[in-house]
């Protein structure tokens, strides 16, 4: 998957329609935050729950939940349900990209590109 983000237009991938856009400012703000970056780094290889992220990143639980919401809204993490045999299902968070590219061009202005080696799953209606 490859995407380009234009401040006026939002995030677009080749297979997305205009209803699934993300704000350039939201992505840049999240990437600027050290706690958000720690959570993104922790989800590089596997999906983790908020409790697992709190423990691995040494971030307070309340901060972890706020940052997870910020990252999910920015489109940098996706939330899924982890099913458990004991019936206590938990949300887990997976990174939606492998690489971020930020460019400043004369005609396009600021663009943020997100790319992933694997295609992102389609969003449910």
PDB file of N, CA and C in Angstrom:
ATOM      1  N   UNK A   1       0.847  -1.169   0.000  1.00  0.00           N
ATOM      2  CA  UNK A   1       0.000   0.000   0.000  1.00  0.00           C
ATOM      3  C   UNK A   1       0.890   1.228   0.000  1.00  0.00           C
ATOM      4  N   UNK A   2       0.488   2.216  -0.720  1.00  0.00           N
ATOM      5  CA  UNK A   2       1.204   3.470  -0.742  1.00  0.00           C
ATOM      6  C   UNK A   2       0.184   4.587  -0.679  1.00  0.00           C
ATOM      7  N   UNK A   3       0.491   5.645   0.036  1.00  0.00           N
ATOM      8  CA  UNK A   3      -0.458   6.741   0.175  1.00  0.00           C
ATOM      9  C   UNK A   3       0.272   8.055   0.128  1.00  0.00           C
ATOM     10  N   UNK A   4      -0.394   9.072  -0.342  1.00  0.00           N
ATOM     11  CA  UNK A   4       0.129  10.429  -0.289  1.00  0.00           C
ATOM     12  C   UNK A   4      -0.852  11.280   0.469  1.00  0.00           C
ATOM     13  N   UNK A   5      -0.332  12.159   1.269  1.00  0.00           N
ATOM     14  CA  UNK A   5      -1.162  13.014   2.093  1.00  0.00           C
ATOM     15  C   UNK A   5      -0.900  14.452   1.713  1.00  0.00           C
ATOM     16  N   UNK A   6      -1.933  15.143   1.304  1.00  0.00           N
ATOM     17  CA  UNK A   6      -1.844  16.563   0.987  1.00  0.00           C
ATOM     18  C   UNK A   6      -2.653  17.307   2.036  1.00  0.00           C
ATOM     19  N   UNK A   7      -2.139  18.419   2.579  1.00  0.00           N
ATOM     20  CA  UNK A   7      -2.837  19.109   3.659  1.00  0.00           C
ATOM     21  C   UNK A   7      -4.282  19.461   3.325  1.00  0.00           C
ATOM     22  N   UNK A   8      -4.554  19.798   2.096  1.00  0.00           N
ATOM     23  CA  UNK A   8      -5.921  20.191   1.727  1.00  0.00           C
ATOM     24  C   UNK A   8      -6.810  18.979   1.492  1.00  0.00           C
ATOM     25  N   UNK A   9      -6.247  17.885   1.029  1.00  0.00           N
ATOM     26  CA  UNK A   9      -7.047  16.766   0.571  1.00  0.00           C
ATOM     27  C   UNK A   9      -7.189  15.636   1.573  1.00  0.00           C
ATOM     28  N   UNK A  10      -6.201  15.402   2.399  1.00  0.00           N
ATOM     29  CA  UNK A  10      -6.223  14.272   3.309  1.00  0.00           C
ATOM     30  C   UNK A  10      -5.474  13.096   2.729  1.00  0.00           C
ATOM     31  N   UNK A  11      -5.404  12.012   3.476  1.00  0.00           N
ATOM     32  CA  UNK A  11      -4.673  10.818   3.079  1.00  0.00           C
ATOM     33  C   UNK A  11      -5.480  10.038   2.059  1.00  0.00           C
ATOM     34  N   UNK A  12      -4.829   9.626   0.971  1.00  0.00           N
ATOM     35  CA  UNK A  12      -5.515   8.823  -0.026  1.00  0.00           C
ATOM     36  C   UNK A  12      -4.620   7.661  -0.423  1.00  0.00           C
ATOM     37  N   UNK A  13      -5.196   6.501  -0.539  1.00  0.00           N
ATOM     38  CA  UNK A  13      -4.473   5.380  -1.097  1.00  0.00           C
ATOM     39  C   UNK A  13      -5.156   5.015  -2.403  1.00  0.00           C
ATOM     40  N   UNK A  14      -4.510   4.217  -3.194  1.00  0.00           N
ATOM     41  CA  UNK A  14      -5.040   3.879  -4.511  1.00  0.00           C
ATOM     42  C   UNK A  14      -6.400   3.194  -4.433  1.00  0.00           C
ATOM     43  N   UNK A  15      -6.670   2.457  -3.375  1.00  0.00           N
ATOM     44  CA  UNK A  15      -7.915   1.691  -3.274  1.00  0.00           C
ATOM     45  C   UNK A  15      -8.957   2.330  -2.371  1.00  0.00           C
ATOM     46  N   UNK A  16      -8.733   3.559  -1.941  1.00  0.00           N
ATOM     47  CA  UNK A  16      -9.660   4.197  -1.014  1.00  0.00           C
ATOM     48  C   UNK A  16     -10.576   5.167  -1.742  1.00  0.00           C
ATOM     49  N   UNK A  17     -11.754   5.394  -1.165  1.00  0.00           N
ATOM     50  CA  UNK A  17     -12.604   6.454  -1.671  1.00  0.00           C
ATOM     51  C   UNK A  17     -12.380   7.698  -0.820  1.00  0.00           C
ATOM     52  N   UNK A  18     -13.073   8.776  -1.133  1.00  0.00           N
ATOM     53  CA  UNK A  18     -12.841  10.044  -0.447  1.00  0.00           C
ATOM     54  C   UNK A  18     -13.348  10.057   0.989  1.00  0.00           C
ATOM     55  N   UNK A  19     -14.114   9.048   1.410  1.00  0.00           N
ATOM     56  CA  UNK A  19     -14.637   9.047   2.780  1.00  0.00           C
ATOM     57  C   UNK A  19     -13.590   8.615   3.800  1.00  0.00           C
ATOM     58  N   UNK A  20     -12.499   8.002   3.367  1.00  0.00           N
ATOM     59  CA  UNK A  20     -11.484   7.541   4.313  1.00  0.00           C
ATOM     60  C   UNK A  20     -10.220   8.376   4.143  1.00  0.00           C
ATOM     61  N   UNK A  21     -10.241   9.571   4.684  1.00  0.00           N
ATOM     62  CA  UNK A  21      -9.124  10.498   4.616  1.00  0.00           C
ATOM     63  C   UNK A  21      -8.616  10.813   6.017  1.00  0.00           C
ATOM     64  N   UNK A  22      -7.355  11.130   6.089  1.00  0.00           N
ATOM     65  CA  UNK A  22      -6.752  11.499   7.356  1.00  0.00           C
ATOM     66  C   UNK A  22      -6.081  12.848   7.201  1.00  0.00           C
ATOM     67  N   UNK A  23      -6.110  13.635   8.231  1.00  0.00           N
ATOM     68  CA  UNK A  23      -5.560  14.980   8.229  1.00  0.00           C
ATOM     69  C   UNK A  23      -4.036  14.954   8.356  1.00  0.00           C
ATOM     70  N   UNK A  24      -3.364  15.688   7.480  1.00  0.00           N
ATOM     71  CA  UNK A  24      -1.904  15.796   7.492  1.00  0.00           C
ATOM     72  C   UNK A  24      -1.413  16.287   8.857  1.00  0.00           C
ATOM     73  N   UNK A  25      -2.056  17.298   9.399  1.00  0.00           N
ATOM     74  CA  UNK A  25      -1.657  17.848  10.693  1.00  0.00           C
ATOM     75  C   UNK A  25      -1.747  16.831  11.807  1.00  0.00           C
ATOM     76  N   UNK A  26      -2.766  15.965  11.771  1.00  0.00           N
ATOM     77  CA  UNK A  26      -2.927  14.944  12.809  1.00  0.00           C
ATOM     78  C   UNK A  26      -1.771  13.952  12.773  1.00  0.00           C
ATOM     79  N   UNK A  27      -1.337  13.589  11.583  1.00  0.00           N
ATOM     80  CA  UNK A  27      -0.214  12.654  11.455  1.00  0.00           C
ATOM     81  C   UNK A  27       1.068  13.294  11.965  1.00  0.00           C
ATOM     82  N   UNK A  28       1.325  14.516  11.537  1.00  0.00           N
ATOM     83  CA  UNK A  28       2.562  15.185  11.953  1.00  0.00           C
ATOM     84  C   UNK A  28       2.583  15.446  13.456  1.00  0.00           C
ATOM     85  N   UNK A  29       1.439  15.826  14.030  1.00  0.00           N
ATOM     86  CA  UNK A  29       1.357  16.044  15.472  1.00  0.00           C
ATOM     87  C   UNK A  29       1.640  14.747  16.229  1.00  0.00           C
ATOM     88  N   UNK A  30       1.069  13.638  15.768  1.00  0.00           N
ATOM     89  CA  UNK A  30       1.300  12.350  16.426  1.00  0.00           C
ATOM     90  C   UNK A  30       2.765  11.934  16.320  1.00  0.00           C
ATOM     91  N   UNK A  31       3.366  12.131  15.157  1.00  0.00           N
ATOM     92  CA  UNK A  31       4.767  11.734  14.970  1.00  0.00           C
ATOM     93  C   UNK A  31       5.721  12.586  15.784  1.00  0.00           C
ATOM     94  N   UNK A  32       5.301  13.791  16.121  1.00  0.00           N
ATOM     95  CA  UNK A  32       6.123  14.695  16.925  1.00  0.00           C
ATOM     96  C   UNK A  32       6.151  14.298  18.401  1.00  0.00           C
ATOM     97  N   UNK A  33       5.129  13.602  18.856  1.00  0.00           N
ATOM     98  CA  UNK A  33       4.965  13.262  20.265  1.00  0.00           C
ATOM     99  C   UNK A  33       5.803  12.031  20.645  1.00  0.00           C
ATOM    100  N   UNK A  34       6.665  12.139  21.658  1.00  0.00           N
ATOM    101  CA  UNK A  34       7.522  11.004  22.038  1.00  0.00           C
ATOM    102  C   UNK A  34       6.743   9.773  22.512  1.00  0.00           C
ATOM    103  N   UNK A  35       5.632   9.964  23.225  1.00  0.00           N
ATOM    104  CA  UNK A  35       4.836   8.815  23.673  1.00  0.00           C
ATOM    105  C   UNK A  35       4.186   8.115  22.478  1.00  0.00           C
ATOM    106  N   UNK A  36       3.691   8.890  21.521  1.00  0.00           N
ATOM    107  CA  UNK A  36       3.104   8.299  20.312  1.00  0.00           C
ATOM    108  C   UNK A  36       4.155   7.510  19.542  1.00  0.00           C
ATOM    109  N   UNK A  37       5.346   8.069  19.427  1.00  0.00           N
ATOM    110  CA  UNK A  37       6.421   7.360  18.714  1.00  0.00           C
ATOM    111  C   UNK A  37       6.779   6.056  19.428  1.00  0.00           C
ATOM    112  N   UNK A  38       6.798   6.074  20.744  1.00  0.00           N
ATOM    113  CA  UNK A  38       7.096   4.848  21.504  1.00  0.00           C
ATOM    114  C   UNK A  38       6.040   3.777  21.236  1.00  0.00           C
ATOM    115  N   UNK A  39       4.777   4.169  21.203  1.00  0.00           N
ATOM    116  CA  UNK A  39       3.695   3.221  20.931  1.00  0.00           C
ATOM    117  C   UNK A  39       3.797   2.681  19.508  1.00  0.00           C
ATOM    118  N   UNK A  40       4.136   3.553  18.561  1.00  0.00           N
ATOM    119  CA  UNK A  40       4.300   3.108  17.173  1.00  0.00           C
ATOM    120  C   UNK A  40       5.469   2.131  17.039  1.00  0.00           C
ATOM    121  N   UNK A  41       6.565   2.417  17.715  1.00  0.00           N
ATOM    122  CA  UNK A  41       7.719   1.518  17.668  1.00  0.00           C
ATOM    123  C   UNK A  41       7.381   0.159  18.269  1.00  0.00           C
ATOM    124  N   UNK A  42       6.612   0.154  19.339  1.00  0.00           N
ATOM    125  CA  UNK A  42       6.249  -1.102  20.004  1.00  0.00           C
ATOM    126  C   UNK A  42       5.340  -1.967  19.139  1.00  0.00           C
ATOM    127  N   UNK A  43       4.589  -1.358  18.244  1.00  0.00           N
ATOM    128  CA  UNK A  43       3.659  -2.113  17.395  1.00  0.00           C
ATOM    129  C   UNK A  43       4.258  -2.423  16.021  1.00  0.00           C
ATOM    130  N   UNK A  44       5.564  -2.329  15.896  1.00  0.00           N
ATOM    131  CA  UNK A  44       6.225  -2.593  14.623  1.00  0.00           C
ATOM    132  C   UNK A  44       6.024  -4.030  14.160  1.00  0.00           C
ATOM    133  N   UNK A  45       6.199  -4.996  15.040  1.00  0.00           N
ATOM    134  CA  UNK A  45       6.171  -6.402  14.649  1.00  0.00           C
ATOM    135  C   UNK A  45       4.916  -7.161  15.041  1.00  0.00           C
ATOM    136  N   UNK A  46       4.143  -6.608  15.972  1.00  0.00           N
ATOM    137  CA  UNK A  46       2.962  -7.330  16.432  1.00  0.00           C
ATOM    138  C   UNK A  46       1.912  -6.370  16.978  1.00  0.00           C
ATOM    139  N   UNK A  47       0.663  -6.820  16.952  1.00  0.00           N
ATOM    140  CA  UNK A  47      -0.428  -6.054  17.552  1.00  0.00           C
ATOM    141  C   UNK A  47      -0.385  -6.257  19.061  1.00  0.00           C
ATOM    142  N   UNK A  48      -0.614  -5.172  19.805  1.00  0.00           N
ATOM    143  CA  UNK A  48      -0.559  -5.228  21.263  1.00  0.00           C
ATOM    144  C   UNK A  48      -1.781  -4.551  21.864  1.00  0.00           C
ATOM    145  N   UNK A  49      -2.164  -5.000  23.049  1.00  0.00           N
ATOM    146  CA  UNK A  49      -3.267  -4.369  23.774  1.00  0.00           C
ATOM    147  C   UNK A  49      -2.747  -3.122  24.485  1.00  0.00           C
ATOM    148  N   UNK A  50      -3.670  -2.317  24.979  1.00  0.00           N
ATOM    149  CA  UNK A  50      -3.283  -1.111  25.722  1.00  0.00           C
ATOM    150  C   UNK A  50      -2.463  -1.482  26.956  1.00  0.00           C
ATOM    151  N   UNK A  51      -2.831  -2.540  27.655  1.00  0.00           N
ATOM    152  CA  UNK A  51      -2.074  -2.974  28.840  1.00  0.00           C
ATOM    153  C   UNK A  51      -0.657  -3.385  28.465  1.00  0.00           C
ATOM    154  N   UNK A  52      -0.523  -4.130  27.375  1.00  0.00           N
ATOM    155  CA  UNK A  52       0.806  -4.544  26.926  1.00  0.00           C
ATOM    156  C   UNK A  52       1.650  -3.332  26.527  1.00  0.00           C
ATOM    157  N   UNK A  53       1.021  -2.369  25.864  1.00  0.00           N
ATOM    158  CA  UNK A  53       1.737  -1.156  25.455  1.00  0.00           C
ATOM    159  C   UNK A  53       2.149  -0.317  26.664  1.00  0.00           C
ATOM    160  N   UNK A  54       1.261  -0.227  27.655  1.00  0.00           N
ATOM    161  CA  UNK A  54       1.575   0.518  28.880  1.00  0.00           C
ATOM    162  C   UNK A  54       2.824  -0.053  29.536  1.00  0.00           C
ATOM    163  N   UNK A  55       2.880  -1.366  29.614  1.00  0.00           N
ATOM    164  CA  UNK A  55       4.012  -2.041  30.253  1.00  0.00           C
ATOM    165  C   UNK A  55       5.294  -1.909  29.423  1.00  0.00           C
ATOM    166  N   UNK A  56       5.216  -2.157  28.134  1.00  0.00           N
ATOM    167  CA  UNK A  56       6.418  -2.123  27.281  1.00  0.00           C
ATOM    168  C   UNK A  56       6.980  -0.725  27.104  1.00  0.00           C
ATOM    169  N   UNK A  57       6.106   0.268  27.030  1.00  0.00           N
ATOM    170  CA  UNK A  57       6.562   1.630  26.726  1.00  0.00           C
ATOM    171  C   UNK A  57       6.776   2.470  27.971  1.00  0.00           C
ATOM    172  N   UNK A  58       6.409   1.929  29.145  1.00  0.00           N
ATOM    173  CA  UNK A  58       6.543   2.660  30.401  1.00  0.00           C
ATOM    174  C   UNK A  58       5.851   4.016  30.323  1.00  0.00           C
ATOM    175  N   UNK A  59       4.612   3.977  29.816  1.00  0.00           N
ATOM    176  CA  UNK A  59       3.767   5.168  29.705  1.00  0.00           C
ATOM    177  C   UNK A  59       2.571   4.948  30.631  1.00  0.00           C
ATOM    178  N   UNK A  60       2.154   5.967  31.384  1.00  0.00           N
ATOM    179  CA  UNK A  60       0.989   5.800  32.257  1.00  0.00           C
ATOM    180  C   UNK A  60      -0.247   5.327  31.477  1.00  0.00           C
ATOM    181  N   UNK A  61      -1.064   4.520  32.124  1.00  0.00           N
ATOM    182  CA  UNK A  61      -2.235   3.927  31.468  1.00  0.00           C
ATOM    183  C   UNK A  61      -3.137   4.990  30.833  1.00  0.00           C
ATOM    184  N   UNK A  62      -3.451   6.063  31.564  1.00  0.00           N
ATOM    185  CA  UNK A  62      -4.351   7.087  31.019  1.00  0.00           C
ATOM    186  C   UNK A  62      -3.728   7.757  29.794  1.00  0.00           C
ATOM    187  N   UNK A  63      -2.428   7.976  29.822  1.00  0.00           N
ATOM    188  CA  UNK A  63      -1.729   8.560  28.672  1.00  0.00           C
ATOM    189  C   UNK A  63      -1.749   7.599  27.496  1.00  0.00           C
ATOM    190  N   UNK A  64      -1.551   6.322  27.775  1.00  0.00           N
ATOM    191  CA  UNK A  64      -1.574   5.317  26.710  1.00  0.00           C
ATOM    192  C   UNK A  64      -2.906   5.355  25.981  1.00  0.00           C
ATOM    193  N   UNK A  65      -4.012   5.382  26.705  1.00  0.00           N
ATOM    194  CA  UNK A  65      -5.329   5.398  26.054  1.00  0.00           C
ATOM    195  C   UNK A  65      -5.529   6.664  25.229  1.00  0.00           C
ATOM    196  N   UNK A  66      -5.094   7.806  25.747  1.00  0.00           N
ATOM    197  CA  UNK A  66      -5.216   9.067  24.975  1.00  0.00           C
ATOM    198  C   UNK A  66      -4.393   9.008  23.704  1.00  0.00           C
ATOM    199  N   UNK A  67      -3.182   8.506  23.798  1.00  0.00           N
ATOM    200  CA  UNK A  67      -2.290   8.432  22.639  1.00  0.00           C
ATOM    201  C   UNK A  67      -2.785   7.400  21.632  1.00  0.00           C
ATOM    202  N   UNK A  68      -3.334   6.286  22.104  1.00  0.00           N
ATOM    203  CA  UNK A  68      -3.893   5.289  21.191  1.00  0.00           C
ATOM    204  C   UNK A  68      -5.058   5.873  20.396  1.00  0.00           C
ATOM    205  N   UNK A  69      -5.894   6.655  21.060  1.00  0.00           N
ATOM    206  CA  UNK A  69      -6.999   7.313  20.356  1.00  0.00           C
ATOM    207  C   UNK A  69      -6.463   8.291  19.317  1.00  0.00           C
ATOM    208  N   UNK A  70      -5.460   9.066  19.689  1.00  0.00           N
ATOM    209  CA  UNK A  70      -4.854  10.032  18.767  1.00  0.00           C
ATOM    210  C   UNK A  70      -4.259   9.318  17.549  1.00  0.00           C
ATOM    211  N   UNK A  71      -3.529   8.245  17.769  1.00  0.00           N
ATOM    212  CA  UNK A  71      -2.901   7.506  16.685  1.00  0.00           C
ATOM    213  C   UNK A  71      -3.919   6.809  15.792  1.00  0.00           C
ATOM    214  N   UNK A  72      -4.981   6.304  16.387  1.00  0.00           N
ATOM    215  CA  UNK A  72      -6.034   5.658  15.610  1.00  0.00           C
ATOM    216  C   UNK A  72      -6.770   6.676  14.746  1.00  0.00           C
ATOM    217  N   UNK A  73      -7.097   7.827  15.327  1.00  0.00           N
ATOM    218  CA  UNK A  73      -7.773   8.881  14.561  1.00  0.00           C
ATOM    219  C   UNK A  73      -6.897   9.419  13.436  1.00  0.00           C
ATOM    220  N   UNK A  74      -5.588   9.425  13.630  1.00  0.00           N
ATOM    221  CA  UNK A  74      -4.665   9.892  12.598  1.00  0.00           C
ATOM    222  C   UNK A  74      -4.442   8.834  11.514  1.00  0.00           C
ATOM    223  N   UNK A  75      -4.935   7.618  11.740  1.00  0.00           N
ATOM    224  CA  UNK A  75      -4.779   6.553  10.758  1.00  0.00           C
ATOM    225  C   UNK A  75      -3.446   5.831  10.834  1.00  0.00           C
ATOM    226  N   UNK A  76      -2.700   6.036  11.915  1.00  0.00           N
ATOM    227  CA  UNK A  76      -1.394   5.402  12.062  1.00  0.00           C
ATOM    228  C   UNK A  76      -1.472   4.044  12.761  1.00  0.00           C
ATOM    229  N   UNK A  77      -2.529   3.827  13.519  1.00  0.00           N
ATOM    230  CA  UNK A  77      -2.811   2.531  14.148  1.00  0.00           C
ATOM    231  C   UNK A  77      -4.226   2.121  13.779  1.00  0.00           C
ATOM    232  N   UNK A  78      -4.445   0.823  13.727  1.00  0.00           N
ATOM    233  CA  UNK A  78      -5.808   0.320  13.580  1.00  0.00           C
ATOM    234  C   UNK A  78      -6.145  -0.509  14.814  1.00  0.00           C
ATOM    235  N   UNK A  79      -7.382  -0.418  15.227  1.00  0.00           N
ATOM    236  CA  UNK A  79      -7.852  -1.148  16.399  1.00  0.00           C
ATOM    237  C   UNK A  79      -8.626  -2.374  15.951  1.00  0.00           C
ATOM    238  N   UNK A  80      -8.310  -3.500  16.549  1.00  0.00           N
ATOM    239  CA  UNK A  80      -9.011  -4.759  16.287  1.00  0.00           C
ATOM    240  C   UNK A  80      -9.359  -5.410  17.618  1.00  0.00           C
ATOM    241  N   UNK A  81     -10.214  -6.400  17.565  1.00  0.00           N
ATOM    242  CA  UNK A  81     -10.581  -7.129  18.777  1.00  0.00           C
ATOM    243  C   UNK A  81      -9.766  -8.403  18.842  1.00  0.00           C
ATOM    244  N   UNK A  82      -9.111  -8.612  19.988  1.00  0.00           N
ATOM    245  CA  UNK A  82      -8.385  -9.857  20.255  1.00  0.00           C
ATOM    246  C   UNK A  82      -9.327 -10.768  21.018  1.00  0.00           C
ATOM    247  N   UNK A  83      -9.691 -11.870  20.390  1.00  0.00           N
ATOM    248  CA  UNK A  83     -10.610 -12.816  21.010  1.00  0.00           C
ATOM    249  C   UNK A  83      -9.865 -13.685  22.014  1.00  0.00           C
ATOM    250  N   UNK A  84     -10.529 -13.971  23.113  1.00  0.00           N
ATOM    251  CA  UNK A  84      -9.940 -14.781  24.167  1.00  0.00           C
ATOM    252  C   UNK A  84     -10.885 -15.915  24.518  1.00  0.00           C
ATOM    253  N   UNK A  85     -10.344 -17.074  24.817  1.00  0.00           N
ATOM    254  CA  UNK A  85     -11.172 -18.232  25.151  1.00  0.00           C
ATOM    255  C   UNK A  85     -11.947 -18.036  26.446  1.00  0.00           C
ATOM    256  N   UNK A  86     -11.461 -17.146  27.317  1.00  0.00           N
ATOM    257  CA  UNK A  86     -12.173 -16.914  28.580  1.00  0.00           C
ATOM    258  C   UNK A  86     -13.298 -15.881  28.427  1.00  0.00           C
ATOM    259  N   UNK A  87     -13.502 -15.378  27.218  1.00  0.00           N
ATOM    260  CA  UNK A  87     -14.589 -14.432  26.974  1.00  0.00           C
ATOM    261  C   UNK A  87     -14.236 -12.983  27.244  1.00  0.00           C
ATOM    262  N   UNK A  88     -13.040 -12.728  27.738  1.00  0.00           N
ATOM    263  CA  UNK A  88     -12.604 -11.354  28.017  1.00  0.00           C
ATOM    264  C   UNK A  88     -11.828 -10.833  26.813  1.00  0.00           C
ATOM    265  N   UNK A  89     -12.560 -10.341  25.836  1.00  0.00           N
ATOM    266  CA  UNK A  89     -11.934  -9.844  24.619  1.00  0.00           C
ATOM    267  C   UNK A  89     -11.327  -8.465  24.883  1.00  0.00           C
ATOM    268  N   UNK A  90     -10.241  -8.162  24.186  1.00  0.00           N
ATOM    269  CA  UNK A  90      -9.555  -6.884  24.374  1.00  0.00           C
ATOM    270  C   UNK A  90      -9.262  -6.265  23.016  1.00  0.00           C
ATOM    271  N   UNK A  91      -9.195  -4.952  23.000  1.00  0.00           N
ATOM    272  CA  UNK A  91      -8.764  -4.264  21.789  1.00  0.00           C
ATOM    273  C   UNK A  91      -7.256  -4.405  21.674  1.00  0.00           C
ATOM    274  N   UNK A  92      -6.792  -4.615  20.456  1.00  0.00           N
ATOM    275  CA  UNK A  92      -5.365  -4.614  20.189  1.00  0.00           C
ATOM    276  C   UNK A  92      -5.104  -3.628  19.059  1.00  0.00           C
ATOM    277  N   UNK A  93      -3.892  -3.131  19.016  1.00  0.00           N
ATOM    278  CA  UNK A  93      -3.544  -2.061  18.089  1.00  0.00           C
ATOM    279  C   UNK A  93      -2.374  -2.501  17.216  1.00  0.00           C
ATOM    280  N   UNK A  94      -2.553  -2.270  15.920  1.00  0.00           N
ATOM    281  CA  UNK A  94      -1.546  -2.649  14.933  1.00  0.00           C
ATOM    282  C   UNK A  94      -1.190  -1.426  14.098  1.00  0.00           C
ATOM    283  N   UNK A  95       0.086  -1.262  13.827  1.00  0.00           N
ATOM    284  CA  UNK A  95       0.551  -0.155  12.994  1.00  0.00           C
ATOM    285  C   UNK A  95       0.061  -0.347  11.557  1.00  0.00           C
ATOM    286  N   UNK A  96      -0.326   0.723  10.903  1.00  0.00           N
ATOM    287  CA  UNK A  96      -0.897   0.648   9.562  1.00  0.00           C
ATOM    288  C   UNK A  96       0.116   0.946   8.467  1.00  0.00           C
ATOM    289  N   UNK A  97       1.362   1.188   8.805  1.00  0.00           N
ATOM    290  CA  UNK A  97       2.353   1.590   7.809  1.00  0.00           C
ATOM    291  C   UNK A  97       3.726   1.041   8.187  1.00  0.00           C
ATOM    292  N   UNK A  98       4.615   1.038   7.197  1.00  0.00           N
ATOM    293  CA  UNK A  98       6.003   0.665   7.447  1.00  0.00           C
ATOM    294  C   UNK A  98       6.921   1.881   7.376  1.00  0.00           C
ATOM    295  N   UNK A  99       6.633   2.784   6.447  1.00  0.00           N
ATOM    296  CA  UNK A  99       7.488   3.946   6.234  1.00  0.00           C
ATOM    297  C   UNK A  99       6.666   5.222   6.099  1.00  0.00           C
ATOM    298  N   UNK A 100       7.253   6.331   6.543  1.00  0.00           N
ATOM    299  CA  UNK A 100       6.662   7.658   6.396  1.00  0.00           C
ATOM    300  C   UNK A 100       7.657   8.518   5.623  1.00  0.00           C
ATOM    301  N   UNK A 101       7.150   9.217   4.611  1.00  0.00           N
ATOM    302  CA  UNK A 101       7.978  10.134   3.840  1.00  0.00           C
ATOM    303  C   UNK A 101       7.322  11.503   3.857  1.00  0.00           C
ATOM    304  N   UNK A 102       8.088  12.528   4.211  1.00  0.00           N
ATOM    305  CA  UNK A 102       7.580  13.899   4.236  1.00  0.00           C
ATOM    306  C   UNK A 102       8.335  14.679   3.169  1.00  0.00           C
ATOM    307  N   UNK A 103       7.584  15.345   2.295  1.00  0.00           N
ATOM    308  CA  UNK A 103       8.190  16.105   1.199  1.00  0.00           C
ATOM    309  C   UNK A 103       7.595  17.500   1.149  1.00  0.00           C
ATOM    310  N   UNK A 104       8.398  18.436   0.670  1.00  0.00           N
ATOM    311  CA  UNK A 104       7.947  19.799   0.453  1.00  0.00           C
ATOM    312  C   UNK A 104       8.280  20.157  -0.981  1.00  0.00           C
ATOM    313  N   UNK A 105       7.241  20.276  -1.799  1.00  0.00           N
ATOM    314  CA  UNK A 105       7.438  20.578  -3.215  1.00  0.00           C
ATOM    315  C   UNK A 105       6.896  21.952  -3.565  1.00  0.00           C
ATOM    316  N   UNK A 106       7.378  22.495  -4.679  1.00  0.00           N
ATOM    317  CA  UNK A 106       6.929  23.821  -5.104  1.00  0.00           C
ATOM    318  C   UNK A 106       5.457  23.833  -5.467  1.00  0.00           C
ATOM    319  N   UNK A 107       4.973  22.798  -6.145  1.00  0.00           N
ATOM    320  CA  UNK A 107       3.584  22.791  -6.594  1.00  0.00           C
ATOM    321  C   UNK A 107       2.645  22.092  -5.627  1.00  0.00           C
ATOM    322  N   UNK A 108       3.091  21.005  -5.002  1.00  0.00           N
ATOM    323  CA  UNK A 108       2.226  20.229  -4.113  1.00  0.00           C
ATOM    324  C   UNK A 108       2.229  20.722  -2.683  1.00  0.00           C
ATOM    325  N   UNK A 109       3.207  21.518  -2.308  1.00  0.00           N
ATOM    326  CA  UNK A 109       3.332  21.924  -0.919  1.00  0.00           C
ATOM    327  C   UNK A 109       3.811  20.745  -0.092  1.00  0.00           C
ATOM    328  N   UNK A 110       3.353  20.674   1.146  1.00  0.00           N
ATOM    329  CA  UNK A 110       3.740  19.619   2.068  1.00  0.00           C
ATOM    330  C   UNK A 110       2.948  18.354   1.772  1.00  0.00           C
ATOM    331  N   UNK A 111       3.652  17.226   1.616  1.00  0.00           N
ATOM    332  CA  UNK A 111       2.990  15.936   1.447  1.00  0.00           C
ATOM    333  C   UNK A 111       3.597  14.943   2.428  1.00  0.00           C
ATOM    334  N   UNK A 112       2.770  14.073   2.942  1.00  0.00           N
ATOM    335  CA  UNK A 112       3.211  12.996   3.825  1.00  0.00           C
ATOM    336  C   UNK A 112       2.803  11.695   3.153  1.00  0.00           C
ATOM    337  N   UNK A 113       3.777  10.836   2.909  1.00  0.00           N
ATOM    338  CA  UNK A 113       3.494   9.544   2.302  1.00  0.00           C
ATOM    339  C   UNK A 113       3.620   8.436   3.315  1.00  0.00           C
ATOM    340  N   UNK A 114       2.640   7.556   3.338  1.00  0.00           N
ATOM    341  CA  UNK A 114       2.675   6.371   4.200  1.00  0.00           C
ATOM    342  C   UNK A 114       2.730   5.171   3.282  1.00  0.00           C
ATOM    343  N   UNK A 115       3.633   4.243   3.556  1.00  0.00           N
ATOM    344  CA  UNK A 115       3.706   3.052   2.728  1.00  0.00           C
ATOM    345  C   UNK A 115       3.802   1.821   3.616  1.00  0.00           C
ATOM    346  N   UNK A 116       3.312   0.721   3.069  1.00  0.00           N
ATOM    347  CA  UNK A 116       3.308  -0.537   3.789  1.00  0.00           C
ATOM    348  C   UNK A 116       3.604  -1.662   2.820  1.00  0.00           C
ATOM    349  N   UNK A 117       4.329  -2.660   3.273  1.00  0.00           N
ATOM    350  CA  UNK A 117       4.645  -3.806   2.435  1.00  0.00           C
ATOM    351  C   UNK A 117       3.414  -4.666   2.201  1.00  0.00           C
ATOM    352  N   UNK A 118       2.458  -4.606   3.113  1.00  0.00           N
ATOM    353  CA  UNK A 118       1.227  -5.371   2.971  1.00  0.00           C
ATOM    354  C   UNK A 118       0.065  -4.415   2.812  1.00  0.00           C
ATOM    355  N   UNK A 119      -0.914  -4.825   2.056  1.00  0.00           N
ATOM    356  CA  UNK A 119      -2.093  -3.985   1.844  1.00  0.00           C
ATOM    357  C   UNK A 119      -2.913  -3.917   3.118  1.00  0.00           C
ATOM    358  N   UNK A 120      -3.457  -2.741   3.408  1.00  0.00           N
ATOM    359  CA  UNK A 120      -4.295  -2.573   4.588  1.00  0.00           C
ATOM    360  C   UNK A 120      -5.641  -3.230   4.355  1.00  0.00           C
ATOM    361  N   UNK A 121      -6.241  -3.813   5.394  1.00  0.00           N
ATOM    362  CA  UNK A 121      -7.565  -4.427   5.232  1.00  0.00           C
ATOM    363  C   UNK A 121      -8.598  -3.358   4.952  1.00  0.00           C
ATOM    364  N   UNK A 122      -9.629  -3.744   4.194  1.00  0.00           N
ATOM    365  CA  UNK A 122     -10.675  -2.786   3.874  1.00  0.00           C
ATOM    366  C   UNK A 122     -11.507  -2.483   5.105  1.00  0.00           C
ATOM    367  N   UNK A 123     -11.940  -1.233   5.197  1.00  0.00           N
ATOM    368  CA  UNK A 123     -12.750  -0.814   6.339  1.00  0.00           C
ATOM    369  C   UNK A 123     -14.167  -1.335   6.200  1.00  0.00           C
ATOM    370  N   UNK A 124     -14.735  -1.717   7.293  1.00  0.00           N
ATOM    371  CA  UNK A 124     -16.123  -2.179   7.289  1.00  0.00           C
ATOM    372  C   UNK A 124     -17.059  -0.990   7.240  1.00  0.00           C
ATOM    373  N   UNK A 125     -18.191  -1.189   6.553  1.00  0.00           N
ATOM    374  CA  UNK A 125     -19.183  -0.110   6.470  1.00  0.00           C
ATOM    375  C   UNK A 125     -19.998  -0.019   7.730  1.00  0.00           C
TER     376      UNK A 125
END
